[in-house]
Amino acid sequence: MASSNKSVLGPLVGSVDQGTSSTRFLVFNSKTAELLSHHQVEIKQKFPKEGWVEQDPKEILQSVYECIEKTCEKLHELNIDISNIKAIGVTNQRETTVVWDKFTGEPLYNAVVWLDLRTQSTVETLSKRMPGNNFVKSKTGLPLSTYFSAVKLRWILDNVKNVQKAVEENRALFGTIDSWLIWSLTGGAKGGVHCTDVTNASRTMLFNIHSLEWDKELCDFFEIPMTILPNVRSSSEIYGLMKAGALEGVPISGCLGDQSAALVGQMCFEDGQAKNTYGTGCFLLCNTGHKCIFSEHGLLTTVAYKLGRDKPANYALEGSVAIAGAVIRWLRDNLGIIKTSEEIEKLAREVGTSYGCYFVPAFSGLYAPYWEPSARGIICGLTQFTNKCHIAFAALEAVCFQTREILDAMNRDCGIPLRHLQVDGGMTNNKILMQLQADILYIPVVKPSMPETTALGAAMAAGAAEGVGVWSLEPEDLSAVTVERFEPQINAEESEIRYSTWKKAVTKSMGWATTQPTQSGSP
């Protein structure tokens, strides 16, 4: 926690960071990018059926209010005046889909989380009637997959009767988590602003990333009424004012999907700069400037950011791994081999090797570069010698191997191999993981001293918005960020042997699941 010396404080900016596992509210000093205070609340995930992942939108919203109030209390204890908070940014888990009633403000169904697999049969049905192989990808940069919002929304419209009724009666609104939060925080049923930003819109499969607008042909293909969609705005402008709580009247003026926010927070503003975020999943983004680059190696093309109404959009190539930190949570909650997430590092340190054990955590199929929904998690190479420490080590290695697969694809698409990898996210506190990552990539891994770059990116966008103007996005105007470097410590040959064995394990994880007809999810 930072000093409470009022003389060094510039204007402050708050950041709502609503992730898959938790919600946080963080407050930064706009002059130094220093984190002054924060509060965090874990979010429950519901698994009503195999492959289904849901969350309660009201619990998510309540957690945001709680985090804001608790952070403001902590600032008060530090003798920091919360009236210095001049803006709030929002960053969020992407693709997670919410439908609610615009007159009552009540969600009409649980939020269907990005990891959810129930839409596999929906995807197969749609792919059979898709007009040309490239129809969706050429407009959106995305493959037709369970991952993105359009198929989740299609499933809800097909299976939840009260949503069908609300759409017919013009009561329904759709949004990703950012839209649900901004609408609720700016008044909800009493004048809430129904909007999203270009980065979140670009993950719905309904948004044309060239024209930066909702695409009528895509909406017709998915049979989604355009009337329920939020207005698309830039990532940095005033959307509306907080209508309740300790920060009532403060503008919400920044909005970025979590991976775009981390790209901004890591100052990856130049073509070719990349970062990897280690959260519930793992996401490697490379800024490709003002042009869309379409991958030939299984990566996504996405909108990186648009930092102002009159500013051009920047694009990124992205590699998405479904399961990273989620594997640690699984070892804790499902197997019980650790009591806290932090224990994984201690277990792994005890053995220093997986002893030939490989873990492919394909709990939600495999995302980039395979896009293989039939894959399922496997642990292989087990012997009588294998114990929980080896499995813990293999779980950490799995995160690093998946990142290596994405980095290889990105290097082939971009033609210029990355010389180092900038990293952020909660898992980067694990020193064994970071060292393993350097060893497996065989390039240095560079971690900023303040790993909260996702929240920082949203705060930067909010503080830089026209009408707020308390944060400069010029790199030279921000204080130099100190970094921790992890250099490779094994030889290249050993790195390659371990990687090729991992690839063998991946092939064994594929083809396990066959599509089951989904049953109605009507509550």
Protein backbone atom coordinates (compact mmCIF):
# COMPACT_ATOMS: atom_id res chain seq x y z
CA MET A 1 0.00 0.00 0.00
CA ALA A 2 1.29 3.41 -0.91
CA SER A 3 2.11 6.48 1.14
CA SER A 4 -0.77 8.69 2.26
CA ASN A 5 1.24 11.88 1.80
CA LYS A 6 -1.31 14.15 0.13
CA SER A 7 1.33 16.35 -1.51
CA VAL A 8 2.49 13.58 -3.88
CA LEU A 9 -1.02 12.60 -5.00
CA GLY A 10 -2.26 13.70 -8.38
CA PRO A 11 -5.85 13.10 -9.47
CA LEU A 12 -6.92 9.51 -8.80
CA VAL A 13 -8.59 7.04 -11.16
CA GLY A 14 -10.56 3.94 -10.14
CA SER A 15 -10.73 0.68 -12.04
CA VAL A 16 -13.39 -2.04 -11.86
CA ASP A 17 -11.69 -5.33 -12.83
CA GLN A 18 -14.41 -7.95 -13.18
CA GLY A 19 -12.74 -11.29 -13.94
CA THR A 20 -13.92 -14.88 -14.16
CA SER A 21 -12.67 -15.79 -10.68
CA SER A 22 -13.04 -12.49 -8.81
CA THR A 23 -14.05 -8.85 -8.87
CA ARG A 24 -11.70 -6.08 -7.78
CA PHE A 25 -11.76 -2.31 -7.49
CA LEU A 26 -8.37 -0.60 -7.61
CA VAL A 27 -7.42 3.06 -7.29
CA PHE A 28 -4.34 4.51 -9.00
CA ASN A 29 -2.47 7.81 -8.78
CA SER A 30 -2.73 9.18 -12.34
CA LYS A 31 0.65 10.94 -12.06
CA THR A 32 2.74 7.91 -11.09
CA ALA A 33 0.53 4.89 -12.00
CA GLU A 34 1.01 3.82 -8.36
CA LEU A 35 -1.63 1.51 -6.87
CA LEU A 36 -3.00 3.17 -3.73
CA SER A 37 -5.60 0.68 -2.55
CA HIS A 38 -7.85 -2.14 -3.69
CA HIS A 39 -10.38 -4.71 -2.55
CA GLN A 40 -11.16 -8.15 -4.01
CA VAL A 41 -14.16 -10.52 -3.80
CA GLU A 42 -14.16 -14.07 -5.19
CA ILE A 43 -17.02 -14.91 -7.58
CA LYS A 44 -18.84 -18.25 -7.50
CA GLN A 45 -18.93 -20.35 -10.63
CA LYS A 46 -21.86 -22.72 -11.18
CA PHE A 47 -21.58 -25.98 -13.09
CA PRO A 48 -25.23 -27.12 -13.45
CA LYS A 49 -24.30 -29.80 -16.01
CA GLU A 50 -21.12 -31.20 -17.48
CA GLY A 51 -19.49 -28.54 -19.67
CA TRP A 52 -21.85 -25.78 -18.44
CA VAL A 53 -20.35 -22.76 -16.66
CA GLU A 54 -22.60 -20.00 -15.27
CA GLN A 55 -22.44 -17.05 -12.91
CA ASP A 56 -25.10 -14.92 -11.24
CA PRO A 57 -25.15 -11.43 -12.85
CA LYS A 58 -26.60 -9.93 -9.65
CA GLU A 59 -23.78 -11.43 -7.57
CA ILE A 60 -21.28 -9.93 -10.03
CA LEU A 61 -22.93 -6.49 -9.77
CA GLN A 62 -23.13 -6.69 -5.97
CA SER A 63 -19.44 -7.63 -5.81
CA VAL A 64 -18.58 -4.47 -7.77
CA TYR A 65 -20.49 -2.27 -5.30
CA GLU A 66 -18.86 -4.07 -2.37
CA CYS A 67 -15.35 -3.67 -3.81
CA ILE A 68 -15.92 0.05 -4.47
CA GLU A 69 -17.24 0.70 -0.95
CA LYS A 70 -14.49 -1.30 0.78
CA THR A 71 -11.72 0.35 -1.27
CA CYS A 72 -13.11 3.79 -0.44
CA GLU A 73 -13.08 2.85 3.28
CA LYS A 74 -9.44 1.78 2.98
CA LEU A 75 -8.54 5.08 1.25
CA HIS A 76 -10.26 6.97 4.07
CA GLU A 77 -8.11 5.05 6.60
CA LEU A 78 -5.03 6.10 4.60
CA ASN A 79 -6.21 9.73 4.87
CA ILE A 80 -6.79 9.90 1.09
CA ASP A 81 -9.80 11.96 0.01
CA ILE A 82 -12.03 9.93 -2.35
CA SER A 83 -13.25 13.16 -3.96
CA ASN A 84 -9.89 13.03 -5.79
CA ILE A 85 -11.21 10.06 -7.82
CA LYS A 86 -11.97 11.75 -11.14
CA ALA A 87 -12.93 8.80 -13.33
CA ILE A 88 -13.63 5.07 -13.34
CA GLY A 89 -12.62 2.49 -15.94
CA VAL A 90 -14.20 -0.93 -16.43
CA THR A 91 -12.37 -4.05 -17.57
CA ASN A 92 -14.01 -7.44 -17.73
CA GLN A 93 -13.99 -11.12 -18.58
CA ARG A 94 -14.90 -11.18 -22.25
CA GLU A 95 -17.53 -13.19 -24.20
CA THR A 96 -19.57 -13.99 -21.05
CA THR A 97 -23.18 -13.35 -22.03
CA VAL A 98 -25.98 -11.67 -20.05
CA VAL A 99 -29.61 -10.98 -21.01
CA TRP A 100 -31.75 -8.79 -18.76
CA ASP A 101 -35.06 -6.95 -18.56
CA LYS A 102 -34.66 -3.25 -19.31
CA PHE A 103 -37.75 -2.30 -17.27
CA THR A 104 -37.02 -4.24 -14.07
CA GLY A 105 -33.21 -4.50 -14.29
CA GLU A 106 -33.51 -8.23 -13.48
CA PRO A 107 -31.32 -10.77 -15.32
CA LEU A 108 -33.47 -13.16 -17.36
CA TYR A 109 -30.97 -16.03 -17.06
CA ASN A 110 -27.62 -16.70 -15.44
CA ALA A 111 -24.56 -15.29 -17.21
CA VAL A 112 -23.22 -17.95 -19.59
CA VAL A 113 -19.45 -17.83 -19.06
CA TRP A 114 -16.90 -17.80 -21.89
CA LEU A 115 -15.64 -21.26 -20.84
CA ASP A 116 -19.10 -22.82 -21.28
CA LEU A 117 -19.37 -25.70 -23.79
CA ARG A 118 -23.15 -26.25 -24.02
CA THR A 119 -23.29 -24.60 -27.45
CA GLN A 120 -21.24 -27.26 -29.27
CA SER A 121 -24.32 -28.66 -31.05
CA THR A 122 -25.41 -25.06 -31.86
CA VAL A 123 -22.00 -24.46 -33.46
CA GLU A 124 -22.30 -27.67 -35.51
CA THR A 125 -25.79 -26.74 -36.72
CA LEU A 126 -24.68 -23.23 -37.68
CA SER A 127 -21.53 -24.42 -39.44
CA LYS A 128 -23.64 -26.63 -41.74
CA ARG A 129 -25.63 -23.66 -42.99
CA MET A 130 -22.83 -21.09 -43.03
CA PRO A 131 -22.58 -19.35 -46.44
CA GLY A 132 -18.93 -20.15 -47.26
CA ASN A 133 -16.12 -21.31 -44.98
CA ASN A 134 -14.80 -17.83 -44.34
CA PHE A 135 -18.09 -15.97 -43.78
CA VAL A 136 -17.73 -15.41 -40.03
CA LYS A 137 -13.93 -15.17 -39.80
CA SER A 138 -13.49 -12.65 -42.63
CA LYS A 139 -15.86 -10.20 -40.89
CA THR A 140 -15.02 -10.89 -37.23
CA GLY A 141 -11.49 -12.35 -37.13
CA LEU A 142 -12.94 -15.25 -35.11
CA PRO A 143 -13.65 -18.91 -35.88
CA LEU A 144 -17.18 -20.24 -35.32
CA SER A 145 -16.68 -21.56 -31.77
CA THR A 146 -18.45 -22.12 -28.44
CA TYR A 147 -16.10 -19.45 -27.01
CA PHE A 148 -17.83 -16.35 -28.40
CA SER A 149 -21.05 -14.58 -27.37
CA ALA A 150 -23.26 -14.99 -30.47
CA VAL A 151 -23.68 -18.77 -30.05
CA LYS A 152 -24.27 -18.39 -26.30
CA LEU A 153 -26.98 -15.82 -27.01
CA ARG A 154 -28.44 -18.06 -29.75
CA TRP A 155 -28.63 -20.95 -27.24
CA ILE A 156 -30.36 -18.73 -24.64
CA LEU A 157 -32.90 -17.54 -27.24
CA ASP A 158 -33.56 -21.15 -28.29
CA ASN A 159 -33.87 -22.63 -24.80
CA VAL A 160 -35.06 -20.04 -22.26
CA LYS A 161 -38.75 -19.23 -22.62
CA ASN A 162 -38.79 -16.05 -20.52
CA VAL A 163 -35.99 -14.63 -22.69
CA GLN A 164 -37.95 -15.45 -25.87
CA LYS A 165 -40.99 -13.69 -24.35
CA ALA A 166 -38.93 -10.64 -23.28
CA VAL A 167 -37.51 -10.29 -26.81
CA GLU A 168 -41.00 -10.50 -28.34
CA GLU A 169 -42.22 -7.82 -25.90
CA ASN A 170 -39.17 -5.59 -26.56
CA ARG A 171 -38.03 -5.85 -22.92
CA ALA A 172 -34.73 -7.71 -23.42
CA LEU A 173 -31.24 -6.25 -23.50
CA PHE A 174 -28.09 -8.25 -24.32
CA GLY A 175 -24.60 -7.44 -23.22
CA THR A 176 -21.25 -8.79 -22.21
CA ILE A 177 -20.25 -8.16 -18.58
CA ASP A 178 -19.03 -4.59 -19.31
CA SER A 179 -22.47 -3.67 -20.73
CA TRP A 180 -24.34 -5.20 -17.79
CA LEU A 181 -22.13 -3.31 -15.31
CA ILE A 182 -22.13 0.07 -17.09
CA TRP A 183 -25.93 -0.08 -17.62
CA SER A 184 -26.47 -0.96 -13.95
CA LEU A 185 -23.94 1.52 -12.50
CA THR A 186 -25.28 4.44 -14.60
CA GLY A 187 -28.87 3.99 -13.40
CA GLY A 188 -30.12 0.64 -14.64
CA ALA A 189 -33.86 0.69 -15.31
CA LYS A 190 -33.84 4.42 -14.46
CA GLY A 191 -31.83 5.68 -17.43
CA GLY A 192 -28.85 3.32 -17.49
CA VAL A 193 -26.56 3.62 -20.53
CA HIS A 194 -26.67 0.49 -22.73
CA CYS A 195 -23.25 0.45 -24.40
CA THR A 196 -20.11 -1.56 -24.97
CA ASP A 197 -16.70 -0.74 -26.40
CA VAL A 198 -15.09 -1.95 -29.62
CA THR A 199 -12.84 -4.49 -27.85
CA ASN A 200 -15.73 -6.30 -26.16
CA ALA A 201 -17.95 -5.99 -29.26
CA SER A 202 -15.21 -7.65 -31.31
CA ARG A 203 -15.59 -10.83 -29.19
CA THR A 204 -19.30 -11.36 -29.87
CA MET A 205 -19.08 -12.72 -33.48
CA LEU A 206 -21.72 -10.10 -34.40
CA PHE A 207 -19.32 -7.18 -34.93
CA ASN A 208 -17.58 -6.26 -38.17
CA ILE A 209 -14.00 -5.43 -37.18
CA HIS A 210 -13.41 -3.51 -40.44
CA SER A 211 -16.40 -1.14 -40.27
CA LEU A 212 -16.42 -1.20 -36.41
CA GLU A 213 -20.21 -1.68 -36.41
CA TRP A 214 -22.69 -4.44 -35.70
CA ASP A 215 -23.03 -6.46 -38.89
CA LYS A 216 -26.57 -7.04 -40.22
CA GLU A 217 -25.56 -10.13 -42.22
CA LEU A 218 -24.02 -11.72 -39.12
CA CYS A 219 -27.05 -10.88 -36.98
CA ASP A 220 -29.31 -12.39 -39.67
CA PHE A 221 -27.14 -15.53 -39.82
CA PHE A 222 -27.29 -16.03 -36.03
CA GLU A 223 -30.95 -14.82 -36.03
CA ILE A 224 -30.28 -12.23 -33.35
CA PRO A 225 -32.40 -9.06 -33.29
CA MET A 226 -30.20 -5.96 -33.51
CA THR A 227 -32.59 -4.09 -31.18
CA ILE A 228 -31.19 -5.93 -28.13
CA LEU A 229 -27.56 -5.03 -28.86
CA PRO A 230 -25.71 -2.25 -26.96
CA ASN A 231 -24.38 0.89 -28.66
CA VAL A 232 -20.71 0.50 -29.59
CA ARG A 233 -18.38 3.23 -28.30
CA SER A 234 -14.64 3.80 -28.18
CA SER A 235 -12.58 2.45 -25.27
CA SER A 236 -11.93 5.93 -23.83
CA GLU A 237 -14.84 8.38 -23.53
CA ILE A 238 -17.44 9.35 -20.93
CA TYR A 239 -20.32 6.83 -21.08
CA GLY A 240 -22.26 8.05 -18.06
CA LEU A 241 -22.03 8.89 -14.35
CA MET A 242 -22.12 6.62 -11.29
CA LYS A 243 -25.65 6.84 -9.91
CA ALA A 244 -25.16 5.35 -6.42
CA GLY A 245 -22.65 4.57 -3.69
CA ALA A 246 -19.56 6.36 -2.41
CA LEU A 247 -18.52 7.48 -5.92
CA GLU A 248 -21.90 8.81 -7.07
CA GLY A 249 -21.42 11.40 -9.83
CA VAL A 250 -17.99 10.15 -10.94
CA PRO A 251 -17.83 9.52 -14.72
CA ILE A 252 -17.31 6.01 -16.10
CA SER A 253 -15.01 6.84 -18.99
CA GLY A 254 -12.94 3.80 -19.88
CA CYS A 255 -13.96 0.33 -21.05
CA LEU A 256 -11.72 -2.46 -22.34
CA GLY A 257 -12.01 -6.24 -22.41
CA ASP A 258 -9.48 -7.59 -19.93
CA GLN A 259 -6.85 -8.68 -22.47
CA SER A 260 -6.96 -5.37 -24.32
CA ALA A 261 -6.71 -3.56 -20.98
CA ALA A 262 -3.55 -5.53 -20.14
CA LEU A 263 -2.07 -4.61 -23.55
CA VAL A 264 -2.66 -0.91 -22.75
CA GLY A 265 -1.42 -1.33 -19.16
CA GLN A 266 1.79 -2.93 -20.47
CA MET A 267 2.24 0.10 -22.78
CA CYS A 268 2.20 -2.12 -25.88
CA PHE A 269 1.28 0.80 -28.16
CA GLU A 270 3.68 -0.03 -31.00
CA ASP A 271 3.28 -2.51 -33.83
CA GLY A 272 4.88 -5.82 -32.81
CA GLN A 273 4.75 -5.34 -29.03
CA ALA A 274 3.18 -8.27 -27.17
CA LYS A 275 2.11 -9.35 -23.70
CA ASN A 276 0.83 -12.54 -22.06
CA THR A 277 -1.70 -12.43 -19.21
CA TYR A 278 -1.95 -15.35 -16.79
CA GLY A 279 -5.43 -15.43 -15.27
CA THR A 280 -8.21 -18.04 -15.34
CA GLY A 281 -7.11 -18.54 -18.94
CA CYS A 282 -3.95 -17.39 -20.67
CA PHE A 283 -3.97 -14.76 -23.41
CA LEU A 284 -1.10 -13.63 -25.62
CA LEU A 285 -1.78 -10.47 -27.65
CA CYS A 286 0.47 -8.82 -30.21
CA ASN A 287 -0.33 -5.28 -31.38
CA THR A 288 -0.51 -5.21 -35.20
CA GLY A 289 -1.15 -1.46 -35.52
CA HIS A 290 -4.00 -0.07 -37.62
CA LYS A 291 -4.24 -3.13 -39.87
CA CYS A 292 -6.00 -6.46 -39.39
CA ILE A 293 -3.63 -9.38 -39.80
CA PHE A 294 -5.42 -12.70 -40.33
CA SER A 295 -3.67 -15.71 -38.87
CA GLU A 296 -2.85 -18.83 -40.84
CA HIS A 297 -1.87 -20.69 -37.66
CA GLY A 298 -4.97 -20.75 -35.47
CA LEU A 299 -4.82 -17.29 -33.85
CA LEU A 300 -7.62 -14.74 -33.59
CA THR A 301 -7.75 -11.24 -35.06
CA THR A 302 -9.28 -8.83 -32.58
CA VAL A 303 -9.65 -5.10 -31.85
CA ALA A 304 -6.86 -4.13 -29.43
CA TYR A 305 -8.23 -0.70 -28.45
CA LYS A 306 -9.63 2.59 -29.75
CA LEU A 307 -8.53 5.23 -27.28
CA GLY A 308 -10.99 8.02 -28.11
CA ARG A 309 -13.96 8.70 -30.39
CA ASP A 310 -11.81 10.33 -33.06
CA LYS A 311 -8.83 7.99 -32.68
CA PRO A 312 -8.16 5.09 -35.04
CA ALA A 313 -8.61 1.50 -33.87
CA ASN A 314 -5.57 -0.68 -33.23
CA TYR A 315 -5.78 -4.40 -33.90
CA ALA A 316 -4.08 -7.43 -32.37
CA LEU A 317 -3.35 -11.06 -33.06
CA GLU A 318 -4.42 -13.14 -30.09
CA GLY A 319 -3.74 -16.63 -28.87
CA SER A 320 -6.25 -17.84 -26.25
CA VAL A 321 -5.71 -20.68 -23.77
CA ALA A 322 -8.89 -21.67 -21.92
CA ILE A 323 -7.31 -23.12 -18.77
CA ALA A 324 -4.36 -21.55 -16.92
CA GLY A 325 -5.12 -20.37 -13.37
CA ALA A 326 -8.31 -22.46 -13.57
CA VAL A 327 -6.16 -25.61 -13.34
CA ILE A 328 -4.85 -24.44 -9.94
CA ARG A 329 -8.41 -23.78 -8.77
CA TRP A 330 -9.34 -27.30 -9.99
CA LEU A 331 -6.49 -28.87 -7.99
CA ARG A 332 -7.75 -26.92 -4.95
CA ASP A 333 -11.53 -27.30 -5.26
CA ASN A 334 -11.97 -30.62 -7.11
CA LEU A 335 -8.99 -32.74 -6.02
CA GLY A 336 -8.19 -31.03 -2.71
CA ILE A 337 -4.41 -31.50 -3.07
CA ILE A 338 -3.87 -27.86 -2.09
CA LYS A 339 -5.84 -25.66 0.32
CA THR A 340 -4.82 -22.31 -1.22
CA SER A 341 -3.68 -21.39 -4.72
CA GLU A 342 -0.32 -20.21 -3.34
CA GLU A 343 0.53 -23.75 -2.15
CA ILE A 344 1.09 -24.94 -5.72
CA GLU A 345 4.48 -23.20 -5.81
CA LYS A 346 5.59 -24.93 -2.59
CA LEU A 347 4.58 -28.38 -3.88
CA ALA A 348 6.29 -27.83 -7.24
CA ARG A 349 9.46 -26.55 -5.54
CA GLU A 350 9.72 -29.77 -3.46
CA VAL A 351 10.38 -31.88 -6.59
CA GLY A 352 11.68 -29.39 -9.18
CA THR A 353 10.47 -31.65 -12.02
CA SER A 354 7.30 -33.40 -13.19
CA TYR A 355 9.30 -36.66 -13.45
CA GLY A 356 7.85 -37.44 -16.88
CA CYS A 357 4.28 -36.58 -15.90
CA TYR A 358 2.37 -34.39 -18.39
CA PHE A 359 -0.95 -32.64 -17.73
CA VAL A 360 -3.13 -31.35 -20.59
CA PRO A 361 -5.93 -29.35 -18.87
CA ALA A 362 -8.34 -29.38 -21.83
CA PHE A 363 -11.38 -29.04 -19.55
CA SER A 364 -13.16 -26.87 -22.14
CA GLY A 365 -11.61 -28.44 -25.22
CA LEU A 366 -8.50 -26.85 -26.69
CA TYR A 367 -8.52 -23.23 -27.88
CA ALA A 368 -5.65 -21.72 -29.93
CA PRO A 369 -3.98 -22.96 -32.02
CA TYR A 370 -6.09 -26.16 -32.28
CA TRP A 371 -9.74 -25.06 -31.82
CA GLU A 372 -10.56 -28.65 -30.92
CA PRO A 373 -13.77 -28.90 -28.84
CA SER A 374 -13.53 -32.71 -28.61
CA ALA A 375 -10.37 -32.57 -26.43
CA ARG A 376 -10.60 -33.30 -22.70
CA GLY A 377 -8.13 -33.03 -19.85
CA ILE A 378 -5.61 -35.84 -19.36
CA ILE A 379 -2.71 -36.57 -17.01
CA CYS A 380 -0.28 -39.05 -18.57
CA GLY A 381 3.18 -40.50 -17.94
CA LEU A 382 2.14 -41.63 -14.45
CA THR A 383 4.17 -44.22 -12.52
CA GLN A 384 4.00 -45.51 -8.93
CA PHE A 385 6.64 -42.89 -8.12
CA THR A 386 4.34 -40.00 -9.19
CA ASN A 387 2.89 -37.96 -6.32
CA LYS A 388 0.90 -34.77 -5.88
CA CYS A 389 4.07 -32.64 -6.13
CA HIS A 390 4.79 -33.98 -9.62
CA ILE A 391 1.19 -33.31 -10.67
CA ALA A 392 1.46 -29.75 -9.28
CA PHE A 393 4.66 -29.23 -11.27
CA ALA A 394 3.06 -30.69 -14.42
CA ALA A 395 0.10 -28.30 -14.00
CA LEU A 396 2.45 -25.30 -14.00
CA GLU A 397 4.37 -26.71 -16.98
CA ALA A 398 1.05 -27.09 -18.84
CA VAL A 399 0.44 -23.33 -18.64
CA CYS A 400 3.93 -22.72 -20.07
CA PHE A 401 3.67 -25.30 -22.85
CA GLN A 402 0.32 -23.87 -23.98
CA THR A 403 1.90 -20.41 -24.10
CA ARG A 404 4.80 -21.82 -26.17
CA GLU A 405 2.33 -23.22 -28.73
CA ILE A 406 0.72 -19.80 -29.10
CA LEU A 407 4.06 -17.99 -29.29
CA ASP A 408 5.22 -20.35 -32.05
CA ALA A 409 2.04 -19.63 -34.03
CA MET A 410 2.44 -15.88 -33.51
CA ASN A 411 6.07 -15.93 -34.61
CA ARG A 412 5.05 -17.75 -37.82
CA ASP A 413 2.22 -15.27 -38.51
CA CYS A 414 4.28 -12.16 -37.79
CA GLY A 415 7.56 -13.38 -39.30
CA ILE A 416 9.60 -11.66 -36.58
CA PRO A 417 10.17 -13.87 -33.50
CA LEU A 418 9.61 -12.18 -30.13
CA ARG A 419 12.92 -11.57 -28.34
CA HIS A 420 11.30 -11.46 -24.89
CA LEU A 421 7.82 -11.91 -23.43
CA GLN A 422 6.12 -9.27 -21.28
CA VAL A 423 3.87 -10.92 -18.69
CA ASP A 424 1.20 -9.92 -16.17
CA GLY A 425 -1.70 -11.33 -14.18
CA GLY A 426 -2.13 -13.03 -10.82
CA MET A 427 -0.15 -16.17 -11.66
CA THR A 428 3.03 -14.17 -12.38
CA ASN A 429 3.60 -13.99 -8.60
CA ASN A 430 4.61 -17.66 -8.89
CA LYS A 431 8.39 -17.55 -9.43
CA ILE A 432 8.63 -21.23 -10.43
CA LEU A 433 6.02 -20.63 -13.15
CA MET A 434 7.91 -17.62 -14.48
CA GLN A 435 11.24 -19.50 -14.54
CA LEU A 436 9.59 -22.49 -16.24
CA GLN A 437 8.11 -20.14 -18.82
CA ALA A 438 11.53 -18.68 -19.66
CA ASP A 439 12.99 -22.21 -19.91
CA ILE A 440 10.22 -23.55 -22.15
CA LEU A 441 10.12 -20.50 -24.44
CA TYR A 442 13.90 -20.19 -24.35
CA ILE A 443 13.63 -16.38 -24.28
CA PRO A 444 13.62 -13.99 -21.29
CA VAL A 445 10.32 -13.38 -19.48
CA VAL A 446 9.85 -9.79 -18.26
CA LYS A 447 7.45 -9.00 -15.43
CA PRO A 448 6.63 -5.43 -14.33
CA SER A 449 7.02 -4.66 -10.62
CA MET A 450 3.28 -3.84 -10.49
CA PRO A 451 1.53 -6.83 -12.09
CA GLU A 452 -1.96 -5.23 -12.03
CA THR A 453 -1.66 -4.12 -15.64
CA THR A 454 -5.23 -5.12 -16.61
CA ALA A 455 -6.77 -2.77 -14.05
CA LEU A 456 -4.10 -0.16 -14.85
CA GLY A 457 -5.00 -0.24 -18.57
CA ALA A 458 -8.68 0.47 -17.82
CA ALA A 459 -7.68 3.29 -15.44
CA MET A 460 -5.41 4.80 -18.13
CA ALA A 461 -8.24 4.72 -20.71
CA ALA A 462 -10.65 6.31 -18.20
CA GLY A 463 -8.23 9.00 -17.08
CA ALA A 464 -7.26 9.92 -20.65
CA ALA A 465 -10.87 10.35 -21.87
CA GLU A 466 -11.95 13.67 -23.34
CA GLY A 467 -13.62 15.67 -20.57
CA VAL A 468 -11.52 13.94 -17.89
CA GLY A 469 -7.96 14.48 -19.11
CA VAL A 470 -6.02 13.52 -15.99
CA TRP A 471 -3.85 10.80 -17.57
CA SER A 472 -1.42 11.10 -20.46
CA LEU A 473 -0.92 8.01 -22.61
CA GLU A 474 2.42 9.20 -23.95
CA PRO A 475 5.03 6.58 -22.90
CA GLU A 476 7.64 9.18 -21.96
CA ASP A 477 5.17 10.90 -19.64
CA LEU A 478 4.74 7.83 -17.45
CA SER A 479 7.29 6.94 -14.81
CA ALA A 480 9.68 4.14 -15.78
CA VAL A 481 8.33 0.77 -14.70
CA THR A 482 10.85 -1.46 -12.93
CA VAL A 483 10.85 -5.05 -14.12
CA GLU A 484 11.93 -8.49 -13.00
CA ARG A 485 13.61 -10.65 -15.67
CA PHE A 486 13.68 -14.44 -15.81
CA GLU A 487 16.39 -15.81 -18.12
CA PRO A 488 16.32 -19.37 -19.52
CA GLN A 489 18.34 -21.71 -17.28
CA ILE A 490 18.23 -24.96 -19.25
CA ASN A 491 19.78 -25.78 -22.61
CA ALA A 492 17.76 -25.46 -25.80
CA GLU A 493 17.87 -29.20 -26.50
CA GLU A 494 16.24 -30.10 -23.18
CA SER A 495 13.59 -27.43 -23.76
CA GLU A 496 12.77 -28.97 -27.18
CA ILE A 497 12.56 -32.55 -25.81
CA ARG A 498 10.10 -31.52 -23.10
CA TYR A 499 8.04 -29.54 -25.61
CA SER A 500 7.84 -32.41 -28.12
CA THR A 501 6.66 -34.79 -25.34
CA TRP A 502 3.98 -32.26 -24.42
CA LYS A 503 2.82 -32.22 -28.07
CA LYS A 504 2.47 -36.02 -27.91
CA ALA A 505 0.29 -35.66 -24.79
CA VAL A 506 -1.88 -33.07 -26.57
CA THR A 507 -2.66 -35.47 -29.43
CA LYS A 508 -3.78 -38.05 -26.83
CA SER A 509 -6.24 -35.53 -25.32
CA MET A 510 -8.13 -35.08 -28.60
CA GLY A 511 -11.25 -36.88 -29.78
CA TRP A 512 -12.57 -37.81 -26.31
CA ALA A 513 -15.89 -35.98 -26.39
CA THR A 514 -18.75 -36.48 -28.80
CA THR A 515 -21.58 -33.99 -29.04
CA GLN A 516 -24.59 -34.75 -26.87
CA PRO A 517 -27.88 -33.10 -27.80
CA THR A 518 -28.28 -30.26 -25.29
CA GLN A 519 -31.37 -30.25 -23.11
CA SER A 520 -33.42 -27.16 -22.51
CA GLY A 521 -31.92 -24.89 -19.90
CA SER A 522 -35.19 -23.19 -19.13
CA PRO A 523 -35.18 -22.27 -15.44
